[in-house]
Amino acid sequence: MRKKLVTVLFLILCAHASLGAQEARPDDVSSIDGIIRGYYEIVSGPEGEAPDAARDRSIHHPNAWVALAALNAVGQPVVNMITLDEYHGEGRPPSEGFWEWETDRVVSRSENMVHVWSNYASARTEGGKPYTGRVNSITLFHDGTRWWVMGWMFDSAVG
């Protein structure tokens, strides 16, 4: 009975994903390397150029989550859960250039589920000197056809 329920839930999840998804670039979703590369390319760009929210939606599952860890006013760790649409907000272009690239990766996989610890660096110009480096925790899912970002977490409280 449990196996049947899991199968039905999986099929519902896949059906929902295909209904809400925008067309993705095949290179973005055909491999773990591709989806992580796209993940960083999307947020990178010059001053005045907003990230490509449509491309970002195409690599994220329609039910994807974003978790932003931080410290509250009294210095206690908190996490704010938001949707991808909330993350992109009104799509205003950034006032400064922002480039982010992966510097190291640890992948843990179980069948169609993958967790990626993705270390990265950030700079204000393409190929510029990094001003920060941290880690993203990224959860991926393969639906038998393509990869999806199910969610990711960033800890802004470190450093």
N, C-alpha and C. Protein backbone atom coordinates (compact mmCIF):
# COMPACT_ATOMS: atom_id res chain seq x y z
N MET A 1 0.83 -1.20 0.00
CA MET A 1 0.00 0.00 0.00
C MET A 1 0.87 1.26 0.00
N ARG A 2 1.91 1.27 0.85
CA ARG A 2 2.79 2.44 0.94
C ARG A 2 3.48 2.69 -0.40
N LYS A 3 3.96 1.63 -1.04
CA LYS A 3 4.65 1.77 -2.32
C LYS A 3 3.70 2.36 -3.37
N LYS A 4 2.44 1.92 -3.35
CA LYS A 4 1.46 2.42 -4.30
C LYS A 4 1.20 3.91 -4.06
N LEU A 5 1.10 4.31 -2.79
CA LEU A 5 0.88 5.71 -2.44
C LEU A 5 2.06 6.56 -2.88
N VAL A 6 3.27 6.08 -2.67
CA VAL A 6 4.46 6.81 -3.09
C VAL A 6 4.47 6.97 -4.60
N THR A 7 4.11 5.94 -5.34
CA THR A 7 4.06 6.00 -6.80
C THR A 7 3.03 7.02 -7.26
N VAL A 8 1.86 7.03 -6.66
CA VAL A 8 0.81 7.99 -7.03
C VAL A 8 1.28 9.42 -6.73
N LEU A 9 1.89 9.64 -5.57
CA LEU A 9 2.38 10.98 -5.23
C LEU A 9 3.46 11.43 -6.20
N PHE A 10 4.33 10.50 -6.59
CA PHE A 10 5.38 10.82 -7.54
C PHE A 10 4.78 11.24 -8.88
N LEU A 11 3.78 10.52 -9.36
CA LEU A 11 3.15 10.85 -10.63
C LEU A 11 2.45 12.20 -10.58
N ILE A 12 1.82 12.50 -9.45
CA ILE A 12 1.17 13.81 -9.29
C ILE A 12 2.22 14.91 -9.32
N LEU A 13 3.33 14.71 -8.62
CA LEU A 13 4.42 15.68 -8.60
C LEU A 13 4.95 15.93 -10.01
N CYS A 14 5.19 14.87 -10.75
CA CYS A 14 5.70 15.01 -12.12
C CYS A 14 4.70 15.71 -13.03
N ALA A 15 3.42 15.38 -12.90
CA ALA A 15 2.39 16.02 -13.72
C ALA A 15 2.31 17.50 -13.41
N HIS A 16 2.35 17.84 -12.13
CA HIS A 16 2.30 19.24 -11.73
C HIS A 16 3.51 19.99 -12.26
N ALA A 17 4.67 19.38 -12.19
CA ALA A 17 5.90 20.00 -12.67
C ALA A 17 5.81 20.30 -14.15
N SER A 18 5.31 19.37 -14.93
CA SER A 18 5.26 19.58 -16.37
C SER A 18 4.21 20.62 -16.75
N LEU A 19 3.17 20.77 -15.97
CA LEU A 19 2.14 21.76 -16.27
C LEU A 19 2.62 23.18 -15.98
N GLY A 20 3.40 23.36 -14.90
CA GLY A 20 3.79 24.69 -14.50
C GLY A 20 5.14 25.14 -15.02
N ALA A 21 5.83 24.31 -15.73
CA ALA A 21 7.19 24.62 -16.12
C ALA A 21 7.25 25.42 -17.41
N GLN A 22 8.20 26.34 -17.46
CA GLN A 22 8.51 27.02 -18.70
C GLN A 22 9.52 26.17 -19.44
N GLU A 23 9.63 26.37 -20.72
CA GLU A 23 10.59 25.61 -21.51
C GLU A 23 12.00 25.94 -21.03
N ALA A 24 12.74 24.90 -20.70
CA ALA A 24 14.10 25.07 -20.21
C ALA A 24 15.11 24.85 -21.34
N ARG A 25 16.25 25.48 -21.20
CA ARG A 25 17.35 25.21 -22.12
C ARG A 25 17.83 23.79 -21.87
N PRO A 26 17.94 22.98 -22.90
CA PRO A 26 18.40 21.60 -22.68
C PRO A 26 19.73 21.51 -21.94
N ASP A 27 20.67 22.41 -22.23
CA ASP A 27 21.97 22.38 -21.54
C ASP A 27 21.83 22.68 -20.05
N ASP A 28 20.79 23.42 -19.67
CA ASP A 28 20.59 23.76 -18.26
C ASP A 28 20.08 22.57 -17.45
N VAL A 29 19.32 21.69 -18.05
CA VAL A 29 18.62 20.67 -17.26
C VAL A 29 18.98 19.23 -17.60
N SER A 30 19.97 19.03 -18.46
CA SER A 30 20.32 17.67 -18.86
C SER A 30 21.36 17.02 -17.97
N SER A 31 22.00 17.79 -17.09
CA SER A 31 23.02 17.23 -16.21
C SER A 31 23.13 18.06 -14.93
N ILE A 32 23.77 17.48 -13.93
CA ILE A 32 24.02 18.23 -12.69
C ILE A 32 24.94 19.41 -13.00
N ASP A 33 25.99 19.18 -13.78
CA ASP A 33 26.88 20.28 -14.15
C ASP A 33 26.11 21.41 -14.84
N GLY A 34 25.22 21.05 -15.75
CA GLY A 34 24.47 22.04 -16.51
C GLY A 34 23.55 22.87 -15.63
N ILE A 35 22.84 22.23 -14.72
CA ILE A 35 21.88 22.97 -13.90
C ILE A 35 22.61 23.87 -12.88
N ILE A 36 23.74 23.42 -12.38
CA ILE A 36 24.52 24.27 -11.46
C ILE A 36 25.15 25.43 -12.23
N ARG A 37 25.65 25.18 -13.42
CA ARG A 37 26.21 26.26 -14.26
C ARG A 37 25.12 27.31 -14.52
N GLY A 38 23.93 26.85 -14.93
CA GLY A 38 22.83 27.78 -15.17
C GLY A 38 22.43 28.55 -13.93
N TYR A 39 22.41 27.86 -12.80
CA TYR A 39 22.07 28.47 -11.50
C TYR A 39 22.92 29.71 -11.25
N TYR A 40 24.21 29.62 -11.53
CA TYR A 40 25.11 30.76 -11.31
C TYR A 40 25.08 31.77 -12.45
N GLU A 41 24.94 31.33 -13.68
CA GLU A 41 24.87 32.27 -14.81
C GLU A 41 23.67 33.19 -14.67
N ILE A 42 22.57 32.67 -14.21
CA ILE A 42 21.32 33.43 -14.12
C ILE A 42 21.45 34.63 -13.20
N VAL A 43 22.12 34.49 -12.07
CA VAL A 43 22.21 35.59 -11.10
C VAL A 43 23.34 36.57 -11.43
N SER A 44 24.18 36.23 -12.40
CA SER A 44 25.35 37.05 -12.71
C SER A 44 25.05 38.03 -13.84
N GLY A 45 25.57 39.26 -13.68
CA GLY A 45 25.40 40.24 -14.73
C GLY A 45 25.83 41.63 -14.32
N PRO A 46 25.87 42.52 -15.29
CA PRO A 46 26.34 43.88 -15.03
C PRO A 46 25.28 44.74 -14.34
N GLU A 47 25.75 45.86 -13.84
CA GLU A 47 24.86 46.87 -13.25
C GLU A 47 23.76 47.20 -14.27
N GLY A 48 22.53 47.30 -13.79
CA GLY A 48 21.42 47.70 -14.66
C GLY A 48 20.77 46.57 -15.44
N GLU A 49 21.29 45.35 -15.33
CA GLU A 49 20.71 44.21 -16.05
C GLU A 49 20.14 43.21 -15.04
N ALA A 50 18.81 43.10 -15.01
CA ALA A 50 18.16 42.20 -14.07
C ALA A 50 18.43 40.74 -14.42
N PRO A 51 18.54 39.88 -13.41
CA PRO A 51 18.69 38.44 -13.69
C PRO A 51 17.53 37.93 -14.55
N ASP A 52 17.78 36.90 -15.31
CA ASP A 52 16.79 36.31 -16.22
C ASP A 52 15.83 35.44 -15.40
N ALA A 53 14.76 36.05 -14.89
CA ALA A 53 13.80 35.35 -14.02
C ALA A 53 13.11 34.21 -14.76
N ALA A 54 12.84 34.37 -16.05
CA ALA A 54 12.18 33.30 -16.82
C ALA A 54 13.10 32.07 -16.92
N ARG A 55 14.37 32.31 -17.17
CA ARG A 55 15.32 31.18 -17.22
C ARG A 55 15.43 30.54 -15.84
N ASP A 56 15.44 31.36 -14.80
CA ASP A 56 15.53 30.83 -13.44
C ASP A 56 14.31 29.96 -13.13
N ARG A 57 13.12 30.41 -13.51
CA ARG A 57 11.91 29.60 -13.29
C ARG A 57 11.99 28.28 -14.06
N SER A 58 12.65 28.29 -15.22
CA SER A 58 12.71 27.08 -16.04
C SER A 58 13.59 26.00 -15.43
N ILE A 59 14.52 26.38 -14.55
CA ILE A 59 15.35 25.36 -13.91
C ILE A 59 14.82 24.97 -12.53
N HIS A 60 13.94 25.79 -11.96
CA HIS A 60 13.35 25.50 -10.66
C HIS A 60 12.01 24.79 -10.82
N HIS A 61 11.79 23.80 -9.99
CA HIS A 61 10.50 23.12 -9.93
C HIS A 61 9.44 24.16 -9.55
N PRO A 62 8.21 24.05 -10.06
CA PRO A 62 7.17 25.02 -9.71
C PRO A 62 6.93 25.15 -8.20
N ASN A 63 7.23 24.13 -7.43
CA ASN A 63 7.06 24.20 -5.97
C ASN A 63 8.38 24.43 -5.24
N ALA A 64 9.37 24.95 -5.94
CA ALA A 64 10.69 25.17 -5.33
C ALA A 64 10.61 26.16 -4.18
N TRP A 65 11.53 25.97 -3.24
CA TRP A 65 11.62 26.85 -2.08
C TRP A 65 12.99 27.52 -2.05
N VAL A 66 13.03 28.67 -1.41
CA VAL A 66 14.27 29.40 -1.19
C VAL A 66 14.33 29.70 0.30
N ALA A 67 15.44 29.37 0.93
CA ALA A 67 15.61 29.61 2.36
C ALA A 67 16.80 30.54 2.56
N LEU A 68 16.55 31.65 3.23
CA LEU A 68 17.59 32.63 3.49
C LEU A 68 17.85 32.67 4.99
N ALA A 69 18.98 32.14 5.39
CA ALA A 69 19.35 32.15 6.81
C ALA A 69 20.05 33.46 7.12
N ALA A 70 19.83 33.94 8.34
CA ALA A 70 20.42 35.22 8.75
C ALA A 70 20.42 35.27 10.28
N LEU A 71 20.76 36.44 10.80
CA LEU A 71 20.66 36.68 12.23
C LEU A 71 19.60 37.75 12.45
N ASN A 72 18.77 37.56 13.49
CA ASN A 72 17.76 38.57 13.79
C ASN A 72 18.40 39.74 14.55
N ALA A 73 17.58 40.68 14.99
CA ALA A 73 18.07 41.90 15.63
C ALA A 73 18.87 41.63 16.90
N VAL A 74 18.64 40.50 17.56
CA VAL A 74 19.38 40.18 18.78
C VAL A 74 20.46 39.13 18.54
N GLY A 75 20.76 38.86 17.27
CA GLY A 75 21.85 37.97 16.93
C GLY A 75 21.54 36.49 16.94
N GLN A 76 20.26 36.12 16.98
CA GLN A 76 19.87 34.72 16.94
C GLN A 76 19.65 34.26 15.51
N PRO A 77 20.06 33.03 15.18
CA PRO A 77 19.84 32.53 13.82
C PRO A 77 18.35 32.39 13.50
N VAL A 78 17.98 32.82 12.31
CA VAL A 78 16.61 32.68 11.81
C VAL A 78 16.69 32.25 10.35
N VAL A 79 15.60 31.72 9.85
CA VAL A 79 15.53 31.39 8.43
C VAL A 79 14.22 31.93 7.87
N ASN A 80 14.31 32.55 6.71
CA ASN A 80 13.14 33.09 6.03
C ASN A 80 12.90 32.25 4.78
N MET A 81 11.75 31.63 4.71
CA MET A 81 11.36 30.82 3.56
C MET A 81 10.56 31.70 2.61
N ILE A 82 10.98 31.72 1.34
CA ILE A 82 10.27 32.50 0.35
C ILE A 82 10.14 31.67 -0.94
N THR A 83 9.30 32.15 -1.83
CA THR A 83 9.15 31.51 -3.13
C THR A 83 10.18 32.11 -4.10
N LEU A 84 10.36 31.48 -5.23
CA LEU A 84 11.25 32.01 -6.24
C LEU A 84 10.76 33.36 -6.73
N ASP A 85 9.45 33.52 -6.89
CA ASP A 85 8.90 34.81 -7.31
C ASP A 85 9.21 35.89 -6.28
N GLU A 86 9.11 35.57 -5.00
CA GLU A 86 9.45 36.54 -3.96
C GLU A 86 10.94 36.88 -4.02
N TYR A 87 11.76 35.89 -4.29
CA TYR A 87 13.20 36.13 -4.41
C TYR A 87 13.49 37.13 -5.52
N HIS A 88 12.81 37.00 -6.66
CA HIS A 88 13.04 37.91 -7.78
C HIS A 88 12.37 39.25 -7.58
N GLY A 89 11.37 39.32 -6.69
CA GLY A 89 10.72 40.59 -6.41
C GLY A 89 10.15 41.22 -7.66
N GLU A 90 10.36 42.51 -7.79
CA GLU A 90 9.83 43.25 -8.93
C GLU A 90 10.74 43.21 -10.14
N GLY A 91 11.83 42.47 -10.04
CA GLY A 91 12.73 42.33 -11.18
C GLY A 91 13.52 43.57 -11.51
N ARG A 92 13.74 44.42 -10.50
CA ARG A 92 14.50 45.64 -10.73
C ARG A 92 15.97 45.30 -11.02
N PRO A 93 16.55 46.02 -11.97
CA PRO A 93 17.97 45.80 -12.25
C PRO A 93 18.82 46.18 -11.04
N PRO A 94 19.90 45.45 -10.80
CA PRO A 94 20.75 45.77 -9.65
C PRO A 94 21.52 47.07 -9.87
N SER A 95 21.84 47.75 -8.78
CA SER A 95 22.58 49.01 -8.87
C SER A 95 24.08 48.78 -8.99
N GLU A 96 24.52 47.53 -8.79
CA GLU A 96 25.92 47.17 -8.96
C GLU A 96 26.01 45.88 -9.77
N GLY A 97 27.13 45.71 -10.45
CA GLY A 97 27.36 44.45 -11.13
C GLY A 97 27.51 43.34 -10.10
N PHE A 98 27.15 42.13 -10.51
CA PHE A 98 27.25 40.99 -9.59
C PHE A 98 27.54 39.74 -10.41
N TRP A 99 28.67 39.12 -10.14
CA TRP A 99 29.02 37.85 -10.77
C TRP A 99 29.31 36.84 -9.68
N GLU A 100 28.76 35.67 -9.87
CA GLU A 100 28.95 34.59 -8.90
C GLU A 100 29.34 33.35 -9.69
N TRP A 101 30.31 32.59 -9.17
CA TRP A 101 30.74 31.37 -9.85
C TRP A 101 31.12 30.33 -8.81
N GLU A 102 30.94 29.09 -9.22
CA GLU A 102 31.24 27.97 -8.34
C GLU A 102 32.75 27.77 -8.25
N THR A 103 33.24 27.53 -7.01
CA THR A 103 34.66 27.28 -6.79
C THR A 103 34.94 25.85 -6.36
N ASP A 104 33.94 25.16 -5.83
CA ASP A 104 34.09 23.78 -5.39
C ASP A 104 32.70 23.19 -5.20
N ARG A 105 32.62 21.86 -5.25
CA ARG A 105 31.32 21.20 -5.13
C ARG A 105 31.47 19.84 -4.47
N VAL A 106 30.51 19.54 -3.59
CA VAL A 106 30.38 18.20 -3.02
C VAL A 106 28.97 17.72 -3.34
N VAL A 107 28.87 16.56 -4.00
CA VAL A 107 27.58 16.03 -4.42
C VAL A 107 27.30 14.73 -3.67
N SER A 108 26.09 14.64 -3.15
CA SER A 108 25.62 13.41 -2.53
C SER A 108 24.35 13.00 -3.27
N ARG A 109 24.34 11.75 -3.78
CA ARG A 109 23.21 11.32 -4.61
C ARG A 109 22.60 10.04 -4.09
N SER A 110 21.28 9.99 -4.15
CA SER A 110 20.52 8.78 -3.88
C SER A 110 19.44 8.69 -4.96
N GLU A 111 19.69 7.82 -5.94
CA GLU A 111 18.77 7.64 -7.07
C GLU A 111 18.53 8.98 -7.77
N ASN A 112 17.30 9.49 -7.72
CA ASN A 112 16.93 10.72 -8.42
C ASN A 112 17.04 11.97 -7.57
N MET A 113 17.50 11.81 -6.34
CA MET A 113 17.67 12.95 -5.44
C MET A 113 19.16 13.26 -5.31
N VAL A 114 19.48 14.56 -5.34
CA VAL A 114 20.86 15.00 -5.21
C VAL A 114 20.92 16.19 -4.27
N HIS A 115 21.93 16.18 -3.41
CA HIS A 115 22.23 17.36 -2.62
C HIS A 115 23.59 17.87 -3.05
N VAL A 116 23.68 19.18 -3.27
CA VAL A 116 24.93 19.80 -3.70
C VAL A 116 25.33 20.86 -2.69
N TRP A 117 26.53 20.71 -2.11
CA TRP A 117 27.18 21.80 -1.36
C TRP A 117 28.02 22.52 -2.40
N SER A 118 27.61 23.72 -2.77
CA SER A 118 28.27 24.45 -3.84
C SER A 118 28.96 25.69 -3.28
N ASN A 119 30.29 25.61 -3.15
CA ASN A 119 31.06 26.77 -2.72
C ASN A 119 31.16 27.73 -3.89
N TYR A 120 31.14 29.03 -3.60
CA TYR A 120 31.18 30.01 -4.67
C TYR A 120 31.94 31.25 -4.24
N ALA A 121 32.27 32.07 -5.22
CA ALA A 121 32.86 33.38 -5.00
C ALA A 121 31.99 34.40 -5.72
N SER A 122 32.03 35.64 -5.24
CA SER A 122 31.26 36.73 -5.84
C SER A 122 32.17 37.92 -6.10
N ALA A 123 31.93 38.61 -7.22
CA ALA A 123 32.69 39.81 -7.58
C ALA A 123 31.74 40.82 -8.20
N ARG A 124 32.17 42.06 -8.28
CA ARG A 124 31.35 43.12 -8.88
C ARG A 124 31.55 43.23 -10.39
N THR A 125 32.61 42.61 -10.90
CA THR A 125 32.86 42.61 -12.34
C THR A 125 33.15 41.18 -12.79
N GLU A 126 32.86 40.89 -14.04
CA GLU A 126 33.11 39.55 -14.57
C GLU A 126 34.61 39.25 -14.52
N GLY A 127 34.96 38.16 -13.85
CA GLY A 127 36.37 37.79 -13.71
C GLY A 127 37.12 38.64 -12.70
N GLY A 128 36.38 39.49 -11.95
CA GLY A 128 37.00 40.40 -11.00
C GLY A 128 37.43 39.72 -9.71
N LYS A 129 38.04 40.52 -8.85
CA LYS A 129 38.52 40.03 -7.57
C LYS A 129 37.31 39.74 -6.67
N PRO A 130 37.23 38.51 -6.12
CA PRO A 130 36.10 38.18 -5.25
C PRO A 130 36.08 39.03 -3.98
N TYR A 131 34.89 39.47 -3.60
CA TYR A 131 34.73 40.18 -2.34
C TYR A 131 34.13 39.28 -1.27
N THR A 132 33.62 38.13 -1.67
CA THR A 132 33.08 37.17 -0.71
C THR A 132 33.12 35.78 -1.32
N GLY A 133 33.04 34.82 -0.45
CA GLY A 133 32.93 33.44 -0.87
C GLY A 133 32.19 32.67 0.20
N ARG A 134 31.21 31.92 -0.18
CA ARG A 134 30.38 31.18 0.77
C ARG A 134 29.94 29.87 0.15
N VAL A 135 28.83 29.32 0.65
CA VAL A 135 28.34 28.04 0.15
C VAL A 135 26.82 28.11 -0.02
N ASN A 136 26.33 27.49 -1.08
CA ASN A 136 24.90 27.28 -1.28
C ASN A 136 24.61 25.80 -1.06
N SER A 137 23.50 25.53 -0.41
CA SER A 137 23.00 24.17 -0.23
C SER A 137 21.85 24.01 -1.21
N ILE A 138 22.04 23.14 -2.21
CA ILE A 138 21.08 23.04 -3.32
C ILE A 138 20.54 21.61 -3.39
N THR A 139 19.21 21.49 -3.47
CA THR A 139 18.57 20.19 -3.61
C THR A 139 18.06 20.04 -5.04
N LEU A 140 18.45 18.94 -5.69
CA LEU A 140 18.05 18.68 -7.07
C LEU A 140 17.21 17.40 -7.14
N PHE A 141 16.40 17.32 -8.20
CA PHE A 141 15.57 16.14 -8.45
C PHE A 141 15.59 15.86 -9.94
N HIS A 142 15.73 14.59 -10.30
CA HIS A 142 15.64 14.17 -11.70
C HIS A 142 14.33 13.43 -11.89
N ASP A 143 13.50 13.90 -12.81
CA ASP A 143 12.16 13.31 -13.00
C ASP A 143 12.14 12.22 -14.07
N GLY A 144 13.31 11.75 -14.49
CA GLY A 144 13.38 10.75 -15.54
C GLY A 144 13.66 11.38 -16.90
N THR A 145 13.47 12.68 -16.99
CA THR A 145 13.70 13.41 -18.24
C THR A 145 14.71 14.53 -18.07
N ARG A 146 14.62 15.22 -16.94
CA ARG A 146 15.44 16.42 -16.73
C ARG A 146 15.69 16.65 -15.24
N TRP A 147 16.64 17.55 -14.95
CA TRP A 147 16.93 17.97 -13.58
C TRP A 147 16.12 19.19 -13.21
N TRP A 148 15.75 19.27 -11.94
CA TRP A 148 15.04 20.42 -11.36
C TRP A 148 15.77 20.88 -10.11
N VAL A 149 15.83 22.18 -9.90
CA VAL A 149 16.21 22.70 -8.59
C VAL A 149 14.95 22.67 -7.74
N MET A 150 14.98 21.87 -6.68
CA MET A 150 13.82 21.79 -5.77
C MET A 150 13.87 22.89 -4.73
N GLY A 151 15.06 23.33 -4.39
CA GLY A 151 15.21 24.41 -3.43
C GLY A 151 16.67 24.64 -3.11
N TRP A 152 16.93 25.78 -2.49
CA TRP A 152 18.29 26.09 -2.09
C TRP A 152 18.28 26.98 -0.86
N MET A 153 19.40 26.92 -0.14
CA MET A 153 19.54 27.71 1.08
C MET A 153 20.89 28.41 1.06
N PHE A 154 20.87 29.65 1.50
CA PHE A 154 22.05 30.49 1.58
C PHE A 154 22.10 31.06 3.00
N ASP A 155 23.25 31.04 3.61
CA ASP A 155 23.39 31.56 4.98
C ASP A 155 24.14 32.88 4.94
N SER A 156 23.40 33.98 5.06
CA SER A 156 24.02 35.31 5.04
C SER A 156 24.57 35.69 6.40
N ALA A 157 24.37 34.83 7.40
CA ALA A 157 24.83 35.13 8.76
C ALA A 157 26.30 34.79 8.96
N VAL A 158 26.91 34.12 7.99
CA VAL A 158 28.31 33.74 8.14
C VAL A 158 29.22 34.83 7.66
N GLY A 159 30.48 34.71 8.02
CA GLY A 159 31.45 35.61 7.45
C GLY A 159 31.97 36.57 8.43
